[in-house]
PDB file of N, CA and C in Angstrom:
ATOM      1  N   UNK A   1      25.232 -52.429 -21.594  1.00  0.00           N
ATOM      2  CA  UNK A   1      23.779 -52.354 -21.718  1.00  0.00           C
ATOM      3  C   UNK A   1      23.417 -51.030 -22.400  1.00  0.00           C
ATOM      4  N   UNK A   2      23.389 -51.049 -23.720  1.00  0.00           N
ATOM      5  CA  UNK A   2      23.054 -49.827 -24.444  1.00  0.00           C
ATOM      6  C   UNK A   2      21.564 -49.512 -24.377  1.00  0.00           C
ATOM      7  N   UNK A   3      20.772 -50.454 -23.875  1.00  0.00           N
ATOM      8  CA  UNK A   3      19.344 -50.196 -23.715  1.00  0.00           C
ATOM      9  C   UNK A   3      19.095 -49.021 -22.780  1.00  0.00           C
ATOM     10  N   UNK A   4      19.946 -48.835 -21.778  1.00  0.00           N
ATOM     11  CA  UNK A   4      19.790 -47.706 -20.866  1.00  0.00           C
ATOM     12  C   UNK A   4      19.994 -46.380 -21.600  1.00  0.00           C
ATOM     13  N   UNK A   5      20.956 -46.316 -22.498  1.00  0.00           N
ATOM     14  CA  UNK A   5      21.148 -45.076 -23.256  1.00  0.00           C
ATOM     15  C   UNK A   5      19.988 -44.837 -24.220  1.00  0.00           C
ATOM     16  N   UNK A   6      19.406 -45.900 -24.754  1.00  0.00           N
ATOM     17  CA  UNK A   6      18.220 -45.761 -25.616  1.00  0.00           C
ATOM     18  C   UNK A   6      17.068 -45.187 -24.809  1.00  0.00           C
ATOM     19  N   UNK A   7      16.864 -45.710 -23.607  1.00  0.00           N
ATOM     20  CA  UNK A   7      15.765 -45.248 -22.755  1.00  0.00           C
ATOM     21  C   UNK A   7      16.025 -43.818 -22.274  1.00  0.00           C
ATOM     22  N   UNK A   8      17.268 -43.482 -21.988  1.00  0.00           N
ATOM     23  CA  UNK A   8      17.599 -42.112 -21.591  1.00  0.00           C
ATOM     24  C   UNK A   8      17.201 -41.142 -22.704  1.00  0.00           C
ATOM     25  N   UNK A   9      17.533 -41.481 -23.926  1.00  0.00           N
ATOM     26  CA  UNK A   9      17.168 -40.650 -25.071  1.00  0.00           C
ATOM     27  C   UNK A   9      15.647 -40.619 -25.257  1.00  0.00           C
ATOM     28  N   UNK A  10      14.999 -41.759 -25.073  1.00  0.00           N
ATOM     29  CA  UNK A  10      13.540 -41.820 -25.176  1.00  0.00           C
ATOM     30  C   UNK A  10      12.888 -40.873 -24.177  1.00  0.00           C
ATOM     31  N   UNK A  11      13.400 -40.837 -22.954  1.00  0.00           N
ATOM     32  CA  UNK A  11      12.801 -39.989 -21.926  1.00  0.00           C
ATOM     33  C   UNK A  11      12.985 -38.500 -22.218  1.00  0.00           C
ATOM     34  N   UNK A  12      14.032 -38.141 -22.921  1.00  0.00           N
ATOM     35  CA  UNK A  12      14.166 -36.745 -23.347  1.00  0.00           C
ATOM     36  C   UNK A  12      12.993 -36.380 -24.257  1.00  0.00           C
ATOM     37  N   UNK A  13      12.653 -37.281 -25.166  1.00  0.00           N
ATOM     38  CA  UNK A  13      11.521 -37.058 -26.072  1.00  0.00           C
ATOM     39  C   UNK A  13      10.206 -37.064 -25.309  1.00  0.00           C
ATOM     40  N   UNK A  14      10.029 -38.037 -24.424  1.00  0.00           N
ATOM     41  CA  UNK A  14       8.777 -38.132 -23.670  1.00  0.00           C
ATOM     42  C   UNK A  14       8.532 -36.887 -22.835  1.00  0.00           C
ATOM     43  N   UNK A  15       9.547 -36.445 -22.119  1.00  0.00           N
ATOM     44  CA  UNK A  15       9.393 -35.268 -21.259  1.00  0.00           C
ATOM     45  C   UNK A  15       9.152 -34.009 -22.091  1.00  0.00           C
ATOM     46  N   UNK A  16       9.801 -33.915 -23.235  1.00  0.00           N
ATOM     47  CA  UNK A  16       9.587 -32.779 -24.127  1.00  0.00           C
ATOM     48  C   UNK A  16       8.148 -32.764 -24.658  1.00  0.00           C
ATOM     49  N   UNK A  17       7.649 -33.913 -25.060  1.00  0.00           N
ATOM     50  CA  UNK A  17       6.277 -34.001 -25.561  1.00  0.00           C
ATOM     51  C   UNK A  17       5.267 -33.692 -24.452  1.00  0.00           C
ATOM     52  N   UNK A  18       5.531 -34.156 -23.263  1.00  0.00           N
ATOM     53  CA  UNK A  18       4.632 -33.870 -22.136  1.00  0.00           C
ATOM     54  C   UNK A  18       4.580 -32.361 -21.875  1.00  0.00           C
ATOM     55  N   UNK A  19       5.746 -31.715 -21.896  1.00  0.00           N
ATOM     56  CA  UNK A  19       5.789 -30.256 -21.706  1.00  0.00           C
ATOM     57  C   UNK A  19       5.054 -29.531 -22.829  1.00  0.00           C
ATOM     58  N   UNK A  20       5.341 -29.934 -24.064  1.00  0.00           N
ATOM     59  CA  UNK A  20       4.745 -29.262 -25.234  1.00  0.00           C
ATOM     60  C   UNK A  20       3.220 -29.362 -25.244  1.00  0.00           C
ATOM     61  N   UNK A  21       2.672 -30.435 -24.653  1.00  0.00           N
ATOM     62  CA  UNK A  21       1.222 -30.646 -24.664  1.00  0.00           C
ATOM     63  C   UNK A  21       0.584 -30.392 -23.299  1.00  0.00           C
ATOM     64  N   UNK A  22       1.355 -29.763 -22.395  1.00  0.00           N
ATOM     65  CA  UNK A  22       0.872 -29.476 -21.043  1.00  0.00           C
ATOM     66  C   UNK A  22       0.263 -30.711 -20.364  1.00  0.00           C
ATOM     67  N   UNK A  23       0.927 -31.821 -20.503  1.00  0.00           N
ATOM     68  CA  UNK A  23       0.445 -33.076 -19.919  1.00  0.00           C
ATOM     69  C   UNK A  23       0.911 -33.206 -18.477  1.00  0.00           C
ATOM     70  N   UNK A  24       0.028 -33.708 -17.645  1.00  0.00           N
ATOM     71  CA  UNK A  24       0.393 -33.943 -16.254  1.00  0.00           C
ATOM     72  C   UNK A  24       1.048 -35.315 -16.085  1.00  0.00           C
ATOM     73  N   UNK A  25       0.731 -36.219 -17.007  1.00  0.00           N
ATOM     74  CA  UNK A  25       1.287 -37.573 -16.930  1.00  0.00           C
ATOM     75  C   UNK A  25       1.384 -38.191 -18.318  1.00  0.00           C
ATOM     76  N   UNK A  26       2.289 -39.138 -18.424  1.00  0.00           N
ATOM     77  CA  UNK A  26       2.329 -40.025 -19.583  1.00  0.00           C
ATOM     78  C   UNK A  26       1.760 -41.347 -19.089  1.00  0.00           C
ATOM     79  N   UNK A  27       0.716 -41.820 -19.743  1.00  0.00           N
ATOM     80  CA  UNK A  27       0.058 -43.051 -19.272  1.00  0.00           C
ATOM     81  C   UNK A  27       0.472 -44.286 -20.050  1.00  0.00           C
ATOM     82  N   UNK A  28       0.916 -44.113 -21.291  1.00  0.00           N
ATOM     83  CA  UNK A  28       1.308 -45.273 -22.097  1.00  0.00           C
ATOM     84  C   UNK A  28       2.325 -44.866 -23.152  1.00  0.00           C
ATOM     85  N   UNK A  29       3.213 -45.802 -23.427  1.00  0.00           N
ATOM     86  CA  UNK A  29       4.251 -45.615 -24.440  1.00  0.00           C
ATOM     87  C   UNK A  29       4.312 -46.895 -25.262  1.00  0.00           C
ATOM     88  N   UNK A  30       4.404 -46.742 -26.586  1.00  0.00           N
ATOM     89  CA  UNK A  30       4.533 -47.909 -27.450  1.00  0.00           C
ATOM     90  C   UNK A  30       5.772 -47.762 -28.313  1.00  0.00           C
ATOM     91  N   UNK A  31       6.606 -48.790 -28.296  1.00  0.00           N
ATOM     92  CA  UNK A  31       7.831 -48.816 -29.089  1.00  0.00           C
ATOM     93  C   UNK A  31       7.752 -49.922 -30.133  1.00  0.00           C
ATOM     94  N   UNK A  32       8.373 -49.698 -31.276  1.00  0.00           N
ATOM     95  CA  UNK A  32       8.588 -50.744 -32.275  1.00  0.00           C
ATOM     96  C   UNK A  32      10.040 -51.182 -32.106  1.00  0.00           C
ATOM     97  N   UNK A  33      10.255 -52.472 -31.872  1.00  0.00           N
ATOM     98  CA  UNK A  33      11.601 -52.995 -31.675  1.00  0.00           C
ATOM     99  C   UNK A  33      11.764 -54.244 -32.535  1.00  0.00           C
ATOM    100  N   UNK A  34      12.414 -54.100 -33.679  1.00  0.00           N
ATOM    101  CA  UNK A  34      12.635 -55.225 -34.573  1.00  0.00           C
ATOM    102  C   UNK A  34      13.646 -56.209 -34.012  1.00  0.00           C
ATOM    103  N   UNK A  35      13.516 -57.450 -34.439  1.00  0.00           N
ATOM    104  CA  UNK A  35      14.405 -58.511 -33.953  1.00  0.00           C
ATOM    105  C   UNK A  35      15.866 -58.256 -34.312  1.00  0.00           C
ATOM    106  N   UNK A  36      16.101 -57.482 -35.364  1.00  0.00           N
ATOM    107  CA  UNK A  36      17.472 -57.186 -35.795  1.00  0.00           C
ATOM    108  C   UNK A  36      17.919 -55.781 -35.413  1.00  0.00           C
ATOM    109  N   UNK A  37      17.198 -55.146 -34.493  1.00  0.00           N
ATOM    110  CA  UNK A  37      17.523 -53.775 -34.091  1.00  0.00           C
ATOM    111  C   UNK A  37      18.745 -53.697 -33.185  1.00  0.00           C
ATOM    112  N   UNK A  38      19.086 -54.795 -32.568  1.00  0.00           N
ATOM    113  CA  UNK A  38      20.207 -54.796 -31.635  1.00  0.00           C
ATOM    114  C   UNK A  38      19.799 -54.487 -30.208  1.00  0.00           C
ATOM    115  N   UNK A  39      18.516 -54.230 -29.985  1.00  0.00           N
ATOM    116  CA  UNK A  39      18.013 -53.939 -28.635  1.00  0.00           C
ATOM    117  C   UNK A  39      17.222 -55.140 -28.120  1.00  0.00           C
ATOM    118  N   UNK A  40      17.378 -55.415 -26.845  1.00  0.00           N
ATOM    119  CA  UNK A  40      16.682 -56.539 -26.216  1.00  0.00           C
ATOM    120  C   UNK A  40      15.438 -55.998 -25.505  1.00  0.00           C
ATOM    121  N   UNK A  41      14.249 -56.422 -25.948  1.00  0.00           N
ATOM    122  CA  UNK A  41      13.012 -55.888 -25.365  1.00  0.00           C
ATOM    123  C   UNK A  41      12.939 -55.987 -23.840  1.00  0.00           C
ATOM    124  N   UNK A  42      13.359 -57.091 -23.268  1.00  0.00           N
ATOM    125  CA  UNK A  42      13.297 -57.258 -21.811  1.00  0.00           C
ATOM    126  C   UNK A  42      14.176 -56.236 -21.098  1.00  0.00           C
ATOM    127  N   UNK A  43      15.355 -55.972 -21.674  1.00  0.00           N
ATOM    128  CA  UNK A  43      16.252 -54.987 -21.069  1.00  0.00           C
ATOM    129  C   UNK A  43      15.715 -53.570 -21.249  1.00  0.00           C
ATOM    130  N   UNK A  44      15.063 -53.308 -22.381  1.00  0.00           N
ATOM    131  CA  UNK A  44      14.423 -51.999 -22.571  1.00  0.00           C
ATOM    132  C   UNK A  44      13.332 -51.798 -21.531  1.00  0.00           C
ATOM    133  N   UNK A  45      12.555 -52.840 -21.284  1.00  0.00           N
ATOM    134  CA  UNK A  45      11.470 -52.758 -20.298  1.00  0.00           C
ATOM    135  C   UNK A  45      12.022 -52.485 -18.894  1.00  0.00           C
ATOM    136  N   UNK A  46      13.083 -53.204 -18.523  1.00  0.00           N
ATOM    137  CA  UNK A  46      13.701 -52.996 -17.202  1.00  0.00           C
ATOM    138  C   UNK A  46      14.242 -51.573 -17.071  1.00  0.00           C
ATOM    139  N   UNK A  47      14.928 -51.110 -18.113  1.00  0.00           N
ATOM    140  CA  UNK A  47      15.489 -49.756 -18.091  1.00  0.00           C
ATOM    141  C   UNK A  47      14.369 -48.720 -18.037  1.00  0.00           C
ATOM    142  N   UNK A  48      13.293 -48.939 -18.777  1.00  0.00           N
ATOM    143  CA  UNK A  48      12.149 -48.016 -18.774  1.00  0.00           C
ATOM    144  C   UNK A  48      11.566 -47.919 -17.364  1.00  0.00           C
ATOM    145  N   UNK A  49      11.332 -49.058 -16.731  1.00  0.00           N
ATOM    146  CA  UNK A  49      10.750 -49.070 -15.391  1.00  0.00           C
ATOM    147  C   UNK A  49      11.647 -48.365 -14.374  1.00  0.00           C
ATOM    148  N   UNK A  50      12.949 -48.577 -14.487  1.00  0.00           N
ATOM    149  CA  UNK A  50      13.893 -47.912 -13.575  1.00  0.00           C
ATOM    150  C   UNK A  50      13.893 -46.406 -13.795  1.00  0.00           C
ATOM    151  N   UNK A  51      13.956 -46.002 -15.063  1.00  0.00           N
ATOM    152  CA  UNK A  51      14.075 -44.588 -15.402  1.00  0.00           C
ATOM    153  C   UNK A  51      12.787 -43.819 -15.123  1.00  0.00           C
ATOM    154  N   UNK A  52      11.646 -44.481 -15.235  1.00  0.00           N
ATOM    155  CA  UNK A  52      10.345 -43.813 -15.104  1.00  0.00           C
ATOM    156  C   UNK A  52      10.047 -43.361 -13.677  1.00  0.00           C
ATOM    157  N   UNK A  53      10.629 -44.026 -12.699  1.00  0.00           N
ATOM    158  CA  UNK A  53      10.331 -43.701 -11.294  1.00  0.00           C
ATOM    159  C   UNK A  53      10.588 -42.223 -11.010  1.00  0.00           C
ATOM    160  N   UNK A  54       9.550 -41.550 -10.503  1.00  0.00           N
ATOM    161  CA  UNK A  54       9.667 -40.149 -10.138  1.00  0.00           C
ATOM    162  C   UNK A  54       9.570 -39.180 -11.305  1.00  0.00           C
ATOM    163  N   UNK A  55       9.282 -39.685 -12.507  1.00  0.00           N
ATOM    164  CA  UNK A  55       9.157 -38.804 -13.669  1.00  0.00           C
ATOM    165  C   UNK A  55       7.683 -38.691 -14.068  1.00  0.00           C
ATOM    166  N   UNK A  56       7.424 -37.929 -15.099  1.00  0.00           N
ATOM    167  CA  UNK A  56       6.073 -37.754 -15.622  1.00  0.00           C
ATOM    168  C   UNK A  56       5.526 -39.077 -16.178  1.00  0.00           C
ATOM    169  N   UNK A  57       6.402 -40.053 -16.410  1.00  0.00           N
ATOM    170  CA  UNK A  57       5.991 -41.354 -16.938  1.00  0.00           C
ATOM    171  C   UNK A  57       5.939 -42.437 -15.868  1.00  0.00           C
ATOM    172  N   UNK A  58       6.033 -42.043 -14.601  1.00  0.00           N
ATOM    173  CA  UNK A  58       5.958 -43.020 -13.511  1.00  0.00           C
ATOM    174  C   UNK A  58       4.617 -43.755 -13.594  1.00  0.00           C
ATOM    175  N   UNK A  59       4.672 -45.075 -13.705  1.00  0.00           N
ATOM    176  CA  UNK A  59       3.453 -45.876 -13.803  1.00  0.00           C
ATOM    177  C   UNK A  59       2.926 -46.054 -15.211  1.00  0.00           C
ATOM    178  N   UNK A  60       3.590 -45.479 -16.199  1.00  0.00           N
ATOM    179  CA  UNK A  60       3.131 -45.609 -17.581  1.00  0.00           C
ATOM    180  C   UNK A  60       3.280 -47.050 -18.062  1.00  0.00           C
ATOM    181  N   UNK A  61       2.329 -47.481 -18.857  1.00  0.00           N
ATOM    182  CA  UNK A  61       2.385 -48.815 -19.458  1.00  0.00           C
ATOM    183  C   UNK A  61       3.298 -48.758 -20.684  1.00  0.00           C
ATOM    184  N   UNK A  62       4.239 -49.686 -20.753  1.00  0.00           N
ATOM    185  CA  UNK A  62       5.127 -49.771 -21.909  1.00  0.00           C
ATOM    186  C   UNK A  62       4.724 -50.982 -22.736  1.00  0.00           C
ATOM    187  N   UNK A  63       4.407 -50.732 -23.999  1.00  0.00           N
ATOM    188  CA  UNK A  63       4.106 -51.815 -24.936  1.00  0.00           C
ATOM    189  C   UNK A  63       5.229 -51.863 -25.952  1.00  0.00           C
ATOM    190  N   UNK A  64       5.765 -53.049 -26.160  1.00  0.00           N
ATOM    191  CA  UNK A  64       6.813 -53.233 -27.153  1.00  0.00           C
ATOM    192  C   UNK A  64       6.264 -54.130 -28.254  1.00  0.00           C
ATOM    193  N   UNK A  65       6.163 -53.562 -29.448  1.00  0.00           N
ATOM    194  CA  UNK A  65       5.691 -54.298 -30.613  1.00  0.00           C
ATOM    195  C   UNK A  65       6.926 -54.796 -31.359  1.00  0.00           C
ATOM    196  N   UNK A  66       6.932 -56.091 -31.669  1.00  0.00           N
ATOM    197  CA  UNK A  66       8.069 -56.682 -32.359  1.00  0.00           C
ATOM    198  C   UNK A  66       7.640 -57.130 -33.758  1.00  0.00           C
ATOM    199  N   UNK A  67       7.851 -56.268 -34.751  1.00  0.00           N
ATOM    200  CA  UNK A  67       7.473 -56.645 -36.106  1.00  0.00           C
ATOM    201  C   UNK A  67       8.351 -57.787 -36.618  1.00  0.00           C
ATOM    202  N   UNK A  68       7.813 -58.626 -37.472  1.00  0.00           N
ATOM    203  CA  UNK A  68       8.609 -59.740 -37.999  1.00  0.00           C
ATOM    204  C   UNK A  68       9.688 -59.248 -38.956  1.00  0.00           C
ATOM    205  N   UNK A  69      10.736 -60.030 -39.067  1.00  0.00           N
ATOM    206  CA  UNK A  69      11.774 -59.754 -40.055  1.00  0.00           C
ATOM    207  C   UNK A  69      11.175 -60.081 -41.420  1.00  0.00           C
ATOM    208  N   UNK A  70      11.379 -59.176 -42.362  1.00  0.00           N
ATOM    209  CA  UNK A  70      10.891 -59.389 -43.725  1.00  0.00           C
ATOM    210  C   UNK A  70      12.018 -59.052 -44.699  1.00  0.00           C
ATOM    211  N   UNK A  71      12.090 -59.832 -45.762  1.00  0.00           N
ATOM    212  CA  UNK A  71      13.084 -59.576 -46.805  1.00  0.00           C
ATOM    213  C   UNK A  71      12.370 -59.349 -48.128  1.00  0.00           C
ATOM    214  N   UNK A  72      12.979 -58.506 -48.962  1.00  0.00           N
ATOM    215  CA  UNK A  72      12.445 -58.258 -50.305  1.00  0.00           C
ATOM    216  C   UNK A  72      13.408 -58.886 -51.300  1.00  0.00           C
ATOM    217  N   UNK A  73      12.859 -59.724 -52.137  1.00  0.00           N
ATOM    218  CA  UNK A  73      13.653 -60.435 -53.131  1.00  0.00           C
ATOM    219  C   UNK A  73      13.878 -59.558 -54.358  1.00  0.00           C
ATOM    220  N   UNK A  74      15.141 -59.432 -54.757  1.00  0.00           N
ATOM    221  CA  UNK A  74      15.455 -58.657 -55.953  1.00  0.00           C
ATOM    222  C   UNK A  74      15.178 -59.460 -57.228  1.00  0.00           C
ATOM    223  N   UNK A  75      15.102 -60.779 -57.092  1.00  0.00           N
ATOM    224  CA  UNK A  75      14.874 -61.627 -58.261  1.00  0.00           C
ATOM    225  C   UNK A  75      13.390 -61.669 -58.650  1.00  0.00           C
ATOM    226  N   UNK A  76      12.517 -61.957 -57.687  1.00  0.00           N
ATOM    227  CA  UNK A  76      11.095 -62.094 -58.022  1.00  0.00           C
ATOM    228  C   UNK A  76      10.241 -60.927 -57.528  1.00  0.00           C
ATOM    229  N   UNK A  77      10.822 -60.068 -56.682  1.00  0.00           N
ATOM    230  CA  UNK A  77      10.113 -58.871 -56.225  1.00  0.00           C
ATOM    231  C   UNK A  77       9.189 -59.068 -55.043  1.00  0.00           C
ATOM    232  N   UNK A  78       9.061 -60.290 -54.545  1.00  0.00           N
ATOM    233  CA  UNK A  78       8.160 -60.535 -53.425  1.00  0.00           C
ATOM    234  C   UNK A  78       8.828 -60.242 -52.087  1.00  0.00           C
ATOM    235  N   UNK A  79       8.001 -59.962 -51.114  1.00  0.00           N
ATOM    236  CA  UNK A  79       8.447 -59.720 -49.751  1.00  0.00           C
ATOM    237  C   UNK A  79       7.975 -60.895 -48.900  1.00  0.00           C
ATOM    238  N   UNK A  80       8.900 -61.535 -48.191  1.00  0.00           N
ATOM    239  CA  UNK A  80       8.563 -62.707 -47.379  1.00  0.00           C
ATOM    240  C   UNK A  80       9.275 -62.637 -46.033  1.00  0.00           C
ATOM    241  N   UNK A  81       8.844 -63.487 -45.111  1.00  0.00           N
ATOM    242  CA  UNK A  81       9.492 -63.615 -43.808  1.00  0.00           C
ATOM    243  C   UNK A  81      10.438 -64.811 -43.860  1.00  0.00           C
ATOM    244  N   UNK A  82      11.719 -64.587 -43.593  1.00  0.00           N
ATOM    245  CA  UNK A  82      12.645 -65.724 -43.600  1.00  0.00           C
ATOM    246  C   UNK A  82      12.322 -66.687 -42.451  1.00  0.00           C
ATOM    247  N   UNK A  83      12.557 -67.952 -42.690  1.00  0.00           N
ATOM    248  CA  UNK A  83      12.317 -68.967 -41.651  1.00  0.00           C
ATOM    249  C   UNK A  83      13.641 -69.317 -40.989  1.00  0.00           C
ATOM    250  N   UNK A  84      13.616 -69.381 -39.675  1.00  0.00           N
ATOM    251  CA  UNK A  84      14.798 -69.755 -38.891  1.00  0.00           C
ATOM    252  C   UNK A  84      16.012 -68.883 -39.213  1.00  0.00           C
ATOM    253  N   UNK A  85      15.760 -67.618 -39.548  1.00  0.00           N
ATOM    254  CA  UNK A  85      16.814 -66.655 -39.862  1.00  0.00           C
ATOM    255  C   UNK A  85      17.721 -67.128 -41.001  1.00  0.00           C
ATOM    256  N   UNK A  86      17.158 -67.874 -41.924  1.00  0.00           N
ATOM    257  CA  UNK A  86      17.860 -68.220 -43.157  1.00  0.00           C
ATOM    258  C   UNK A  86      17.420 -67.179 -44.181  1.00  0.00           C
ATOM    259  N   UNK A  87      18.320 -66.293 -44.530  1.00  0.00           N
ATOM    260  CA  UNK A  87      17.973 -65.124 -45.326  1.00  0.00           C
ATOM    261  C   UNK A  87      18.000 -65.432 -46.819  1.00  0.00           C
ATOM    262  N   UNK A  88      16.852 -65.925 -47.273  1.00  0.00           N
ATOM    263  CA  UNK A  88      16.621 -66.149 -48.687  1.00  0.00           C
ATOM    264  C   UNK A  88      15.138 -65.925 -48.949  1.00  0.00           C
ATOM    265  N   UNK A  89      14.792 -65.754 -50.199  1.00  0.00           N
ATOM    266  CA  UNK A  89      13.397 -65.528 -50.566  1.00  0.00           C
ATOM    267  C   UNK A  89      12.574 -66.771 -50.237  1.00  0.00           C
ATOM    268  N   UNK A  90      11.465 -66.558 -49.547  1.00  0.00           N
ATOM    269  CA  UNK A  90      10.578 -67.662 -49.193  1.00  0.00           C
ATOM    270  C   UNK A  90       9.789 -68.180 -50.373  1.00  0.00           C
ATOM    271  N   UNK A  91       9.820 -67.466 -51.490  1.00  0.00           N
ATOM    272  CA  UNK A  91       9.060 -67.867 -52.679  1.00  0.00           C
ATOM    273  C   UNK A  91       9.957 -68.582 -53.699  1.00  0.00           C
ATOM    274  N   UNK A  92      11.017 -67.899 -54.128  1.00  0.00           N
ATOM    275  CA  UNK A  92      11.851 -68.474 -55.200  1.00  0.00           C
ATOM    276  C   UNK A  92      13.186 -69.032 -54.707  1.00  0.00           C
ATOM    277  N   UNK A  93      13.542 -68.743 -53.435  1.00  0.00           N
ATOM    278  CA  UNK A  93      14.777 -69.279 -52.872  1.00  0.00           C
ATOM    279  C   UNK A  93      16.020 -68.449 -53.145  1.00  0.00           C
ATOM    280  N   UNK A  94      15.876 -67.351 -53.855  1.00  0.00           N
ATOM    281  CA  UNK A  94      17.026 -66.505 -54.170  1.00  0.00           C
ATOM    282  C   UNK A  94      17.618 -65.901 -52.898  1.00  0.00           C
ATOM    283  N   UNK A  95      18.932 -65.738 -52.901  1.00  0.00           N
ATOM    284  CA  UNK A  95      19.600 -65.055 -51.786  1.00  0.00           C
ATOM    285  C   UNK A  95      19.896 -63.604 -52.126  1.00  0.00           C
ATOM    286  N   UNK A  96      19.449 -63.164 -53.289  1.00  0.00           N
ATOM    287  CA  UNK A  96      19.609 -61.760 -53.697  1.00  0.00           C
ATOM    288  C   UNK A  96      18.443 -60.965 -53.104  1.00  0.00           C
ATOM    289  N   UNK A  97      18.605 -60.629 -51.840  1.00  0.00           N
ATOM    290  CA  UNK A  97      17.517 -60.012 -51.075  1.00  0.00           C
ATOM    291  C   UNK A  97      18.016 -58.766 -50.351  1.00  0.00           C
ATOM    292  N   UNK A  98      17.071 -57.975 -49.884  1.00  0.00           N
ATOM    293  CA  UNK A  98      17.378 -56.849 -49.008  1.00  0.00           C
ATOM    294  C   UNK A  98      16.417 -56.909 -47.830  1.00  0.00           C
ATOM    295  N   UNK A  99      16.832 -56.345 -46.716  1.00  0.00           N
ATOM    296  CA  UNK A  99      15.954 -56.304 -45.546  1.00  0.00           C
ATOM    297  C   UNK A  99      14.848 -55.284 -45.775  1.00  0.00           C
ATOM    298  N   UNK A 100      13.617 -55.704 -45.545  1.00  0.00           N
ATOM    299  CA  UNK A 100      12.472 -54.805 -45.688  1.00  0.00           C
ATOM    300  C   UNK A 100      11.926 -54.404 -44.321  1.00  0.00           C
ATOM    301  N   UNK A 101      12.123 -55.237 -43.317  1.00  0.00           N
ATOM    302  CA  UNK A 101      11.644 -54.941 -41.961  1.00  0.00           C
ATOM    303  C   UNK A 101      12.400 -55.818 -40.971  1.00  0.00           C
ATOM    304  N   UNK A 102      12.463 -55.321 -39.741  1.00  0.00           N
ATOM    305  CA  UNK A 102      13.112 -56.088 -38.680  1.00  0.00           C
ATOM    306  C   UNK A 102      14.209 -55.331 -37.964  1.00  0.00           C
ATOM    307  N   UNK A 103      14.575 -54.168 -38.505  1.00  0.00           N
ATOM    308  CA  UNK A 103      15.625 -53.365 -37.862  1.00  0.00           C
ATOM    309  C   UNK A 103      15.047 -52.154 -37.138  1.00  0.00           C
ATOM    310  N   UNK A 104      13.717 -52.064 -37.085  1.00  0.00           N
ATOM    311  CA  UNK A 104      13.064 -50.892 -36.488  1.00  0.00           C
ATOM    312  C   UNK A 104      13.430 -50.741 -35.015  1.00  0.00           C
ATOM    313  N   UNK A 105      13.534 -49.498 -34.611  1.00  0.00           N
ATOM    314  CA  UNK A 105      13.670 -49.142 -33.197  1.00  0.00           C
ATOM    315  C   UNK A 105      13.205 -47.699 -33.089  1.00  0.00           C
ATOM    316  N   UNK A 106      11.906 -47.528 -32.815  1.00  0.00           N
ATOM    317  CA  UNK A 106      11.375 -46.180 -32.745  1.00  0.00           C
ATOM    318  C   UNK A 106      10.163 -46.086 -31.830  1.00  0.00           C
ATOM    319  N   UNK A 107       9.920 -44.867 -31.405  1.00  0.00           N
ATOM    320  CA  UNK A 107       8.757 -44.535 -30.592  1.00  0.00           C
ATOM    321  C   UNK A 107       7.561 -44.437 -31.525  1.00  0.00           C
ATOM    322  N   UNK A 108       6.568 -45.283 -31.286  1.00  0.00           N
ATOM    323  CA  UNK A 108       5.400 -45.313 -32.157  1.00  0.00           C
ATOM    324  C   UNK A 108       4.244 -44.486 -31.614  1.00  0.00           C
ATOM    325  N   UNK A 109       4.053 -44.500 -30.287  1.00  0.00           N
ATOM    326  CA  UNK A 109       2.882 -43.806 -29.733  1.00  0.00           C
ATOM    327  C   UNK A 109       3.134 -43.423 -28.281  1.00  0.00           C
ATOM    328  N   UNK A 110       2.587 -42.259 -27.910  1.00  0.00           N
ATOM    329  CA  UNK A 110       2.602 -41.779 -26.524  1.00  0.00           C
ATOM    330  C   UNK A 110       1.173 -41.403 -26.172  1.00  0.00           C
ATOM    331  N   UNK A 111       0.714 -41.840 -25.013  1.00  0.00           N
ATOM    332  CA  UNK A 111      -0.580 -41.404 -24.509  1.00  0.00           C
ATOM    333  C   UNK A 111      -0.344 -40.482 -23.327  1.00  0.00           C
ATOM    334  N   UNK A 112      -0.915 -39.295 -23.417  1.00  0.00           N
ATOM    335  CA  UNK A 112      -0.723 -38.262 -22.412  1.00  0.00           C
ATOM    336  C   UNK A 112      -2.018 -37.990 -21.660  1.00  0.00           C
ATOM    337  N   UNK A 113      -1.883 -37.619 -20.418  1.00  0.00           N
ATOM    338  CA  UNK A 113      -3.033 -37.199 -19.621  1.00  0.00           C
ATOM    339  C   UNK A 113      -2.885 -35.702 -19.366  1.00  0.00           C
ATOM    340  N   UNK A 114      -3.912 -34.964 -19.767  1.00  0.00           N
ATOM    341  CA  UNK A 114      -3.886 -33.520 -19.538  1.00  0.00           C
ATOM    342  C   UNK A 114      -5.016 -33.152 -18.591  1.00  0.00           C
ATOM    343  N   UNK A 115      -4.890 -31.988 -17.982  1.00  0.00           N
ATOM    344  CA  UNK A 115      -5.910 -31.535 -17.036  1.00  0.00           C
ATOM    345  C   UNK A 115      -7.093 -30.907 -17.745  1.00  0.00           C
TER     346      UNK A 115
END
């Protein structure tokens, strides 16, 4: 379960940001987790809830945004969403594509409560 190591690293950032901004609490956290990131949102949520207990983020709301997978076609230049994970251009059908989105795994937003 590498999601626990992801959350452990996330909490280092969260606690550092809380200290840097003299925050008494973290009230909300938003993550971007692409379908091809290798992380399972449900497991991230479970790990977050376990890790948050007794920390500055205890009770914080976790929002996980899952952007769609998008590919950029090298043949026609358009960006489309593949259907059923068939990786080809949705416009011209070319398989000469690159991933444009779907591998994201990052902290997008933190909401802090200060005195």
